[in-house]
Amino acid sequence: MIDSRGFSYLQLGPLGGDLGGEYYIYFLSEPFTYKGKKIQIRNAFRMQSPFNYKAATTISVDGGRFMNYGNPWWQKVDAGK
């Protein structure tokens, strides 16, 4: 993954779902270094549809506790409707 600030890091994780159509994707990044600090990122996505999902991000600095970075719900507007 390359984010908007130019960081490049690898994220791996499992995908799970249920028959009701709700899917969960959990990512854990490989640690990377920025300004002498070791950074690791966890992302959890709860997808109810391609147009409606929640993203939860936590960040660890120098092996410390993962701290919450936000839990926004994203809703994509279909321009064709």
Protein backbone atom coordinates (compact mmCIF):
# COMPACT_ATOMS: atom_id res chain seq x y z
CA MET A 1 0.00 0.00 0.00
CA ILE A 2 1.18 3.55 -0.72
CA ASP A 3 -0.77 6.20 1.16
CA SER A 4 -1.32 9.87 0.32
CA ARG A 5 1.85 10.94 2.18
CA GLY A 6 4.05 8.62 0.14
CA PHE A 7 4.55 5.89 2.77
CA SER A 8 4.91 2.44 1.30
CA TYR A 9 4.13 -0.54 3.51
CA LEU A 10 2.79 -4.08 3.31
CA GLN A 11 -0.51 -5.09 4.96
CA LEU A 12 -1.69 -8.68 5.28
CA GLY A 13 -4.78 -10.13 6.87
CA PRO A 14 -7.79 -12.42 6.75
CA LEU A 15 -11.18 -11.87 5.14
CA GLY A 16 -14.33 -13.18 6.82
CA GLY A 17 -18.01 -12.94 6.12
CA ASP A 18 -21.44 -14.31 6.86
CA LEU A 19 -24.47 -15.35 4.83
CA GLY A 20 -26.15 -12.03 5.63
CA GLY A 21 -23.64 -10.25 3.41
CA GLU A 22 -21.51 -8.53 6.03
CA TYR A 23 -17.76 -8.89 5.51
CA TYR A 24 -14.78 -8.13 7.74
CA ILE A 25 -11.24 -7.49 6.57
CA TYR A 26 -8.43 -7.16 9.15
CA PHE A 27 -5.02 -5.84 8.11
CA LEU A 28 -1.78 -5.61 10.09
CA SER A 29 1.08 -3.75 8.45
CA GLU A 30 4.69 -4.74 8.53
CA PRO A 31 6.57 -2.29 10.81
CA PHE A 32 8.22 0.60 8.99
CA THR A 33 10.42 3.46 10.19
CA TYR A 34 9.60 7.15 9.96
CA LYS A 35 11.82 9.85 11.50
CA GLY A 36 13.54 7.20 13.63
CA LYS A 37 10.27 5.78 15.01
CA LYS A 38 8.99 2.26 14.31
CA ILE A 39 5.39 2.51 13.11
CA GLN A 40 2.85 -0.31 12.74
CA ILE A 41 -0.73 0.11 11.50
CA ARG A 42 -3.85 -2.04 11.99
CA ASN A 43 -6.93 -1.55 9.83
CA ALA A 44 -10.30 -3.25 10.30
CA PHE A 45 -13.00 -2.84 7.67
CA ARG A 46 -16.63 -3.80 8.27
CA MET A 47 -18.32 -3.91 4.89
CA GLN A 48 -22.09 -4.06 4.57
CA SER A 49 -21.95 -3.34 0.84
CA PRO A 50 -19.49 -1.82 -1.63
CA PHE A 51 -21.25 1.49 -0.91
CA ASN A 52 -21.32 1.35 2.91
CA TYR A 53 -18.41 0.37 5.16
CA LYS A 54 -16.69 1.29 8.42
CA ALA A 55 -12.93 1.71 8.67
CA ALA A 56 -11.16 1.47 12.05
CA THR A 57 -7.46 2.35 12.21
CA THR A 58 -5.06 1.97 15.13
CA ILE A 59 -1.36 2.91 15.18
CA SER A 60 1.55 1.70 17.33
CA VAL A 61 4.73 3.75 17.74
CA ASP A 62 7.95 2.03 18.85
CA GLY A 63 6.14 -1.16 19.87
CA GLY A 64 3.75 0.66 22.21
CA ARG A 65 0.04 0.13 22.63
CA PHE A 66 -2.10 0.49 19.49
CA MET A 67 -3.99 3.80 19.73
CA ASN A 68 -7.27 4.57 17.95
CA TYR A 69 -6.88 6.83 14.92
CA GLY A 70 -10.56 6.93 13.96
CA ASN A 71 -13.65 4.86 13.10
CA PRO A 72 -15.49 6.62 10.27
CA TRP A 73 -18.42 5.18 8.33
CA TRP A 74 -17.97 5.70 4.59
CA GLN A 75 -20.92 5.89 2.25
CA LYS A 76 -20.24 6.13 -1.46
CA VAL A 77 -22.71 8.12 -3.53
CA ASP A 78 -23.63 6.39 -6.78
CA ALA A 79 -23.31 9.11 -9.42
CA GLY A 80 -25.46 7.08 -11.84
CA LYS A 81 -28.61 7.42 -9.73
